[in-house]
Amino acid sequence: MADVTLTIDGKRITVPAGTTVLQAARDNGIFIPTLCHDPKLTPWGGCRLCVVEIEGMRGLPASCVTTVAEGMVVQTASPQVVEARKMMLELLLANHPRDCLTCSKSGACSLQDYAYYYGVRGDKFHGEKHDYPLEDDNPFIVRDMNKCILCGKCIRVCAEVQVNNVIDFAHRGFNTRVTPAMDLTLRESEECVFCGNCVQVCPVGALAEKASLWQGREWELTKVRTTCTFCGVGCNLEVSVKDDHVVRVRGYDNPLVNSGWLCVKGRFGADFAESPDRITRPLIRVGERGEGRFREATWDEALDYTARRLQEIKEQYGSRAIAALSSARCTNEENYLMQKFMRAVIGTNNVDHCART
């Protein structure tokens, strides 16, 4: 593909043809704010916060849906552009709750960040405000449509990534809102699988993980990268932790695995990590089998005991008396080693799997 040379804020830049102005600017360290844009979703150009001034072009085009052209001259922070962005923010804040002190998104809210950056207080326009009831009837997600800025990111991720098409824009004008069909809640909708990807892309506090509410402010959380254990895909996770307590789980953007997206188990199933019933040390049964009593052991003791008992059972009853049950929560490599061990070492084909259908 041919390259295109353009000028952005006086800086001469060469990028591949078909690149958007927004991407060209960001690839070269030039700041352009966005609310509705996500590089993994289809460009929409709805929030108009990314407008720029392009020489010879009418109006202020949205940079996220405008492709570069040879010789194009772009201004990303001219007085006209800055004034337009401030107006967009004023209009959004005119119908936005001012509860940043208690909002779960405070510290990670794009609207809050841009209002601070441009010095917008949201006091220019006064009028009717939405008063939607808080939707908290499902165990995973809380929806506060009073905070929704209609960026459409939740709609696109549901349609393009999860391919469920659960939500869309409904009604018109001031009454426009994001909702499942027939104005149902997410729990009432039969299509929603509670993957939570909509929560992850929401730039404001309209969507939040229910279990994480009041568990810690954004700046108090430590981010730990790890791998999901619920299946063999190996989705990358970013776990937010406070005081050794898991506050929430979100997808880590690794394009080689899951590109940041998760399923309902990966995102909302982390409670097992702190379960009081979780086994944290090897256990060896003592006494008669029916008594079901166990004692703690070291790993070396447990492994030696297991090897010895497998050898004894094989010698006394034969290889077919032994079977192995593997797990979808192991990697493909670990499952391969399990069946290889059973076939090559134990000498049996009695291998099964918890995810077999």
Protein backbone atom coordinates (compact mmCIF):
# COMPACT_ATOMS: atom_id res chain seq x y z
CA MET A 1 0.00 0.00 0.00
CA ALA A 2 1.34 3.44 -0.97
CA ASP A 3 2.39 5.94 1.67
CA VAL A 4 0.86 9.38 2.15
CA THR A 5 2.70 12.44 3.43
CA LEU A 6 0.81 15.11 5.34
CA THR A 7 1.45 17.83 7.90
CA ILE A 8 -0.08 17.75 11.39
CA ASP A 9 0.54 20.74 13.66
CA GLY A 10 3.53 21.71 11.55
CA LYS A 11 5.04 18.22 11.73
CA ARG A 12 5.64 16.42 8.43
CA ILE A 13 4.38 12.83 8.70
CA THR A 14 4.36 9.83 6.36
CA VAL A 15 1.78 7.09 6.98
CA PRO A 16 0.20 4.29 4.94
CA ALA A 17 -2.72 5.27 2.70
CA GLY A 18 -6.07 4.60 4.36
CA THR A 19 -4.86 5.67 7.79
CA THR A 20 -7.22 8.00 9.65
CA VAL A 21 -6.08 11.43 10.75
CA LEU A 22 -6.62 10.37 14.35
CA GLN A 23 -4.40 7.33 14.04
CA ALA A 24 -1.72 9.26 12.17
CA ALA A 25 -1.65 11.87 14.93
CA ARG A 26 -1.56 9.36 17.78
CA ASP A 27 1.13 7.28 16.11
CA ASN A 28 3.29 10.39 16.15
CA GLY A 29 2.58 11.48 19.70
CA ILE A 30 0.03 14.19 18.87
CA PHE A 31 -2.90 14.42 21.29
CA ILE A 32 -6.49 14.29 20.03
CA PRO A 33 -9.27 13.55 22.57
CA THR A 34 -11.95 10.95 21.85
CA LEU A 35 -14.95 9.49 23.66
CA CYS A 36 -16.66 7.27 21.09
CA HIS A 37 -13.51 5.89 19.45
CA ASP A 38 -11.89 2.54 20.15
CA PRO A 39 -9.18 1.21 17.81
CA LYS A 40 -10.69 -2.30 18.03
CA LEU A 41 -14.18 -1.15 17.02
CA THR A 42 -15.65 0.34 13.85
CA PRO A 43 -15.09 4.13 13.66
CA TRP A 44 -18.30 6.03 14.28
CA GLY A 45 -17.53 9.74 14.61
CA GLY A 46 -20.43 10.37 16.96
CA CYS A 47 -18.99 12.31 19.90
CA ARG A 48 -17.31 14.96 17.68
CA LEU A 49 -14.65 15.54 20.33
CA CYS A 50 -11.89 14.54 17.93
CA VAL A 51 -12.67 17.30 15.41
CA VAL A 52 -9.71 18.94 13.69
CA GLU A 53 -9.16 21.76 11.23
CA ILE A 54 -8.05 20.66 7.75
CA GLU A 55 -6.89 23.21 5.20
CA GLY A 56 -9.35 23.53 2.31
CA MET A 57 -12.08 21.45 3.98
CA ARG A 58 -15.39 22.87 5.18
CA GLY A 59 -16.23 22.74 8.86
CA LEU A 60 -14.36 20.68 11.40
CA PRO A 61 -14.29 16.99 10.38
CA ALA A 62 -14.03 14.19 12.91
CA SER A 63 -10.48 12.87 12.70
CA CYS A 64 -11.49 9.28 13.57
CA VAL A 65 -13.46 8.88 10.31
CA THR A 66 -11.36 11.10 8.02
CA THR A 67 -8.62 9.36 6.07
CA VAL A 68 -5.34 11.05 5.25
CA ALA A 69 -4.62 12.52 1.81
CA GLU A 70 -1.40 13.56 0.12
CA GLY A 71 -0.37 17.08 1.13
CA MET A 72 -3.11 17.41 3.76
CA VAL A 73 -2.47 20.12 6.36
CA VAL A 74 -4.10 19.48 9.75
CA GLN A 75 -4.41 21.59 12.88
CA THR A 76 -5.41 19.64 15.98
CA ALA A 77 -5.44 22.47 18.51
CA SER A 78 -6.35 25.68 16.70
CA PRO A 79 -8.55 28.19 18.59
CA GLN A 80 -11.54 27.10 16.51
CA VAL A 81 -10.94 23.42 17.29
CA VAL A 82 -10.43 24.00 21.01
CA GLU A 83 -13.60 26.12 21.23
CA ALA A 84 -15.60 23.40 19.45
CA ARG A 85 -14.33 20.73 21.86
CA LYS A 86 -15.18 22.87 24.87
CA MET A 87 -18.69 23.34 23.51
CA MET A 88 -19.08 19.57 23.06
CA LEU A 89 -18.01 19.00 26.65
CA GLU A 90 -20.34 21.71 27.95
CA LEU A 91 -23.27 20.09 26.16
CA LEU A 92 -22.41 16.66 27.56
CA LEU A 93 -22.01 17.97 31.10
CA ALA A 94 -25.29 19.91 30.89
CA ASN A 95 -27.14 16.60 31.32
CA HIS A 96 -24.57 14.69 33.36
CA PRO A 97 -24.75 13.98 37.12
CA ARG A 98 -22.16 15.83 39.21
CA ASP A 99 -21.44 12.94 41.56
CA CYS A 100 -17.74 12.53 40.85
CA LEU A 101 -17.08 12.31 44.60
CA THR A 102 -18.86 8.96 44.77
CA CYS A 103 -18.77 7.76 41.15
CA SER A 104 -16.98 4.42 40.72
CA LYS A 105 -15.37 5.70 37.53
CA SER A 106 -13.75 8.73 39.13
CA GLY A 107 -10.06 8.75 38.29
CA ALA A 108 -10.59 6.67 35.15
CA CYS A 109 -13.38 8.69 33.49
CA SER A 110 -12.57 10.14 30.06
CA LEU A 111 -15.23 12.83 30.39
CA GLN A 112 -13.77 13.91 33.73
CA ASP A 113 -10.25 13.96 32.29
CA TYR A 114 -11.16 16.06 29.26
CA ALA A 115 -13.26 18.49 31.28
CA TYR A 116 -10.21 19.03 33.51
CA TYR A 117 -7.85 19.30 30.53
CA TYR A 118 -9.94 21.99 28.81
CA GLY A 119 -11.10 23.71 32.00
CA VAL A 120 -14.79 23.04 31.32
CA ARG A 121 -17.07 23.32 34.38
CA GLY A 122 -20.37 22.40 32.77
CA ASP A 123 -22.18 25.50 33.97
CA LYS A 124 -23.03 27.18 30.65
CA PHE A 125 -26.30 25.40 29.92
CA HIS A 126 -29.19 24.69 32.25
CA GLY A 127 -32.32 22.70 31.52
CA GLU A 128 -34.08 19.39 31.91
CA LYS A 129 -32.03 16.42 33.10
CA HIS A 130 -32.71 12.72 32.80
CA ASP A 131 -33.89 10.85 35.88
CA TYR A 132 -33.67 7.20 34.90
CA PRO A 133 -33.92 4.57 37.68
CA LEU A 134 -30.70 2.76 38.54
CA GLU A 135 -30.62 -0.65 36.87
CA ASP A 136 -29.06 -3.07 39.34
CA ASP A 137 -31.30 -6.11 39.01
CA ASN A 138 -28.58 -8.45 37.74
CA PRO A 139 -25.66 -9.82 39.78
CA PHE A 140 -22.85 -8.52 37.59
CA ILE A 141 -23.49 -5.10 36.03
CA VAL A 142 -24.96 -1.84 37.28
CA ARG A 143 -26.31 0.51 34.59
CA ASP A 144 -26.85 4.21 35.36
CA MET A 145 -28.28 5.67 32.17
CA ASN A 146 -28.24 9.16 33.70
CA LYS A 147 -24.46 9.09 33.14
CA CYS A 148 -24.61 7.71 29.60
CA ILE A 149 -23.12 10.06 26.98
CA LEU A 150 -24.47 8.05 24.00
CA CYS A 151 -20.99 7.30 22.65
CA GLY A 152 -22.25 3.98 21.27
CA LYS A 153 -19.17 1.97 22.26
CA CYS A 154 -21.22 -0.56 24.25
CA ILE A 155 -23.49 -1.07 21.24
CA ARG A 156 -20.60 -1.68 18.87
CA VAL A 157 -18.70 -4.04 21.15
CA CYS A 158 -21.88 -6.09 21.68
CA ALA A 159 -22.48 -6.29 17.93
CA GLU A 160 -18.93 -6.58 16.59
CA VAL A 161 -17.07 -8.51 19.29
CA GLN A 162 -19.67 -10.50 21.21
CA VAL A 163 -21.97 -10.65 18.15
CA ASN A 164 -25.09 -10.65 20.32
CA ASN A 165 -26.66 -7.33 19.29
CA VAL A 166 -28.41 -7.04 22.65
CA ILE A 167 -28.54 -3.24 22.87
CA ASP A 168 -29.05 -0.31 20.52
CA PHE A 169 -30.22 3.30 20.50
CA ALA A 170 -33.93 3.73 21.16
CA HIS A 171 -36.27 6.75 21.06
CA ARG A 172 -35.21 10.12 19.64
CA GLY A 173 -33.74 13.47 20.52
CA PHE A 174 -33.38 14.23 24.23
CA ASN A 175 -35.01 10.88 25.08
CA THR A 176 -32.48 8.79 23.14
CA ARG A 177 -31.04 6.02 25.29
CA VAL A 178 -29.16 2.75 24.99
CA THR A 179 -31.40 -0.20 25.80
CA PRO A 180 -32.26 -3.80 24.89
CA ALA A 181 -35.33 -4.34 22.75
CA MET A 182 -38.64 -3.28 24.30
CA ASP A 183 -36.80 -1.20 26.94
CA LEU A 184 -36.01 -4.29 28.99
CA THR A 185 -33.15 -4.47 31.48
CA LEU A 186 -30.06 -6.54 30.66
CA ARG A 187 -31.26 -9.28 33.00
CA GLU A 188 -34.70 -9.38 31.37
CA SER A 189 -33.11 -9.62 27.93
CA GLU A 190 -32.72 -13.20 26.78
CA GLU A 191 -29.71 -12.39 24.58
CA CYS A 192 -27.33 -10.81 27.12
CA VAL A 193 -24.63 -13.23 28.31
CA PHE A 194 -23.11 -10.75 30.82
CA CYS A 195 -19.67 -10.84 29.23
CA GLY A 196 -19.09 -7.33 30.57
CA ASN A 197 -17.19 -6.12 27.51
CA CYS A 198 -19.60 -3.18 27.38
CA VAL A 199 -18.47 -2.24 30.89
CA GLN A 200 -14.84 -2.31 29.83
CA VAL A 201 -15.27 0.09 26.89
CA CYS A 202 -17.61 2.54 28.67
CA PRO A 203 -15.67 5.84 29.03
CA VAL A 204 -17.84 7.13 31.90
CA GLY A 205 -19.67 5.72 34.92
CA ALA A 206 -22.79 4.55 33.08
CA LEU A 207 -21.68 0.91 33.37
CA ALA A 208 -19.90 -0.58 36.37
CA GLU A 209 -19.01 -3.99 37.78
CA LYS A 210 -21.43 -4.54 40.65
CA ALA A 211 -18.99 -6.43 42.87
CA SER A 212 -16.37 -3.66 42.63
CA LEU A 213 -18.60 -0.83 43.87
CA TRP A 214 -17.23 0.86 47.03
CA GLN A 215 -14.25 -1.53 47.10
CA GLY A 216 -11.58 1.01 46.15
CA ARG A 217 -10.93 4.20 44.19
CA GLU A 218 -9.04 3.99 40.91
CA TRP A 219 -5.83 5.49 42.32
CA GLU A 220 -5.84 3.02 45.23
CA LEU A 221 -5.77 -0.04 43.01
CA THR A 222 -2.71 -2.04 42.02
CA LYS A 223 -2.92 -3.59 38.54
CA VAL A 224 -1.61 -7.15 38.21
CA ARG A 225 -1.34 -8.92 34.88
CA THR A 226 -2.16 -12.61 34.91
CA THR A 227 -3.82 -15.38 32.89
CA CYS A 228 -7.41 -16.61 33.17
CA THR A 229 -7.69 -20.18 34.48
CA PHE A 230 -11.24 -21.00 33.41
CA CYS A 231 -10.29 -22.65 30.12
CA GLY A 232 -7.31 -23.45 27.94
CA VAL A 233 -7.48 -20.30 25.79
CA GLY A 234 -5.27 -18.39 28.21
CA CYS A 235 -6.96 -14.99 28.04
CA ASN A 236 -4.80 -12.25 29.53
CA LEU A 237 -6.26 -10.49 32.57
CA GLU A 238 -5.58 -7.24 34.39
CA VAL A 239 -6.61 -7.78 38.00
CA SER A 240 -7.15 -4.67 40.15
CA VAL A 241 -6.16 -5.36 43.74
CA LYS A 242 -6.46 -3.39 46.98
CA ASP A 243 -5.17 -4.70 50.32
CA ASP A 244 -4.71 -8.19 48.78
CA HIS A 245 -8.38 -8.19 47.78
CA VAL A 246 -9.48 -8.62 44.15
CA VAL A 247 -11.62 -5.58 43.34
CA ARG A 248 -12.29 -6.25 39.67
CA VAL A 249 -11.00 -8.10 36.62
CA ARG A 250 -10.64 -6.67 33.14
CA GLY A 251 -9.12 -7.96 29.93
CA TYR A 252 -5.50 -7.15 29.15
CA ASP A 253 -5.04 -6.02 25.58
CA ASN A 254 -2.87 -8.79 24.17
CA PRO A 255 -3.65 -9.08 20.43
CA LEU A 256 -2.11 -12.57 20.32
CA VAL A 257 -4.75 -14.00 22.65
CA ASN A 258 -7.94 -12.14 23.57
CA SER A 259 -7.28 -8.49 22.60
CA GLY A 260 -8.70 -7.41 25.94
CA TRP A 261 -12.09 -9.12 25.61
CA LEU A 262 -13.40 -11.62 28.18
CA CYS A 263 -16.33 -13.94 28.81
CA VAL A 264 -18.59 -13.80 31.86
CA LYS A 265 -16.51 -16.35 33.80
CA GLY A 266 -13.18 -14.67 33.13
CA ARG A 267 -14.48 -11.23 34.13
CA PHE A 268 -16.86 -11.99 36.99
CA GLY A 269 -15.74 -15.40 38.27
CA ALA A 270 -12.72 -14.38 40.32
CA ASP A 271 -14.46 -14.88 43.67
CA PHE A 272 -13.00 -18.41 43.89
CA ALA A 273 -9.57 -16.84 44.51
CA GLU A 274 -10.63 -15.73 47.99
CA SER A 275 -13.04 -18.53 48.81
CA PRO A 276 -12.62 -19.89 52.36
CA ASP A 277 -13.18 -23.38 50.92
CA ARG A 278 -10.23 -23.12 48.55
CA ILE A 279 -7.49 -25.74 49.11
CA THR A 280 -4.11 -24.03 49.44
CA ARG A 281 -1.97 -26.96 50.64
CA PRO A 282 -1.69 -30.61 49.52
CA LEU A 283 -3.90 -32.97 51.56
CA ILE A 284 -3.39 -36.69 52.21
CA ARG A 285 -6.24 -38.90 53.40
CA VAL A 286 -5.69 -40.63 56.73
CA GLY A 287 -7.63 -43.42 58.41
CA GLU A 288 -10.26 -45.51 56.67
CA ARG A 289 -11.55 -44.31 53.31
CA GLY A 290 -15.06 -43.77 54.59
CA GLU A 291 -13.95 -41.36 57.31
CA GLY A 292 -12.85 -38.71 54.80
CA ARG A 293 -10.24 -37.17 57.10
CA PHE A 294 -7.27 -35.34 55.59
CA ARG A 295 -4.01 -33.93 56.87
CA GLU A 296 -1.84 -31.25 55.34
CA ALA A 297 1.37 -32.30 53.61
CA THR A 298 4.30 -30.71 51.82
CA TRP A 299 4.47 -30.81 48.04
CA ASP A 300 7.42 -33.19 48.12
CA GLU A 301 5.56 -35.55 50.43
CA ALA A 302 2.38 -35.40 48.33
CA LEU A 303 4.21 -36.05 45.06
CA ASP A 304 6.21 -38.95 46.52
CA TYR A 305 3.00 -40.44 47.97
CA THR A 306 1.18 -40.12 44.63
CA ALA A 307 4.04 -41.74 42.67
CA ARG A 308 4.27 -44.60 45.15
CA ARG A 309 0.53 -45.31 45.15
CA LEU A 310 0.30 -45.21 41.37
CA GLN A 311 3.14 -47.73 41.14
CA GLU A 312 1.54 -49.99 43.77
CA ILE A 313 -1.89 -49.94 42.08
CA LYS A 314 -0.36 -50.62 38.68
CA GLU A 315 1.61 -53.61 39.98
CA GLN A 316 -1.32 -55.07 41.94
CA TYR A 317 -4.28 -54.43 39.64
CA GLY A 318 -2.80 -53.46 36.27
CA SER A 319 -2.75 -50.20 34.28
CA ARG A 320 -6.45 -50.32 33.49
CA ALA A 321 -7.26 -49.80 37.17
CA ILE A 322 -5.98 -46.22 36.88
CA ALA A 323 -7.72 -43.31 35.16
CA ALA A 324 -7.06 -39.57 34.83
CA LEU A 325 -9.53 -36.71 34.66
CA SER A 326 -8.08 -33.56 33.12
CA SER A 327 -9.50 -30.03 33.05
CA ALA A 328 -10.45 -27.27 30.65
CA ARG A 329 -8.80 -24.88 33.09
CA CYS A 330 -5.42 -26.28 32.13
CA THR A 331 -3.56 -25.20 29.02
CA ASN A 332 -3.45 -27.37 25.90
CA GLU A 333 0.17 -28.17 26.75
CA GLU A 334 -0.72 -29.31 30.27
CA ASN A 335 -3.55 -31.50 28.99
CA TYR A 336 -1.18 -32.99 26.41
CA LEU A 337 1.32 -33.87 29.14
CA MET A 338 -1.42 -35.47 31.24
CA GLN A 339 -2.58 -37.82 28.49
CA LYS A 340 1.03 -38.54 27.48
CA PHE A 341 1.87 -39.48 31.06
CA MET A 342 -1.15 -41.80 31.30
CA ARG A 343 -0.47 -43.54 27.99
CA ALA A 344 3.34 -43.71 27.98
CA VAL A 345 4.08 -44.09 31.71
CA ILE A 346 0.98 -45.64 33.29
CA GLY A 347 0.03 -47.53 30.15
CA THR A 348 -3.70 -46.83 29.93
CA ASN A 349 -6.11 -44.97 27.67
CA ASN A 350 -8.44 -44.15 30.58
CA VAL A 351 -8.23 -40.40 30.08
CA ASP A 352 -11.27 -38.10 30.26
CA HIS A 353 -11.95 -34.39 30.43
CA CYS A 354 -14.34 -32.22 32.45
CA ALA A 355 -15.45 -30.28 29.35
CA ARG A 356 -16.34 -33.30 27.24
CA THR A 357 -19.81 -33.08 25.64
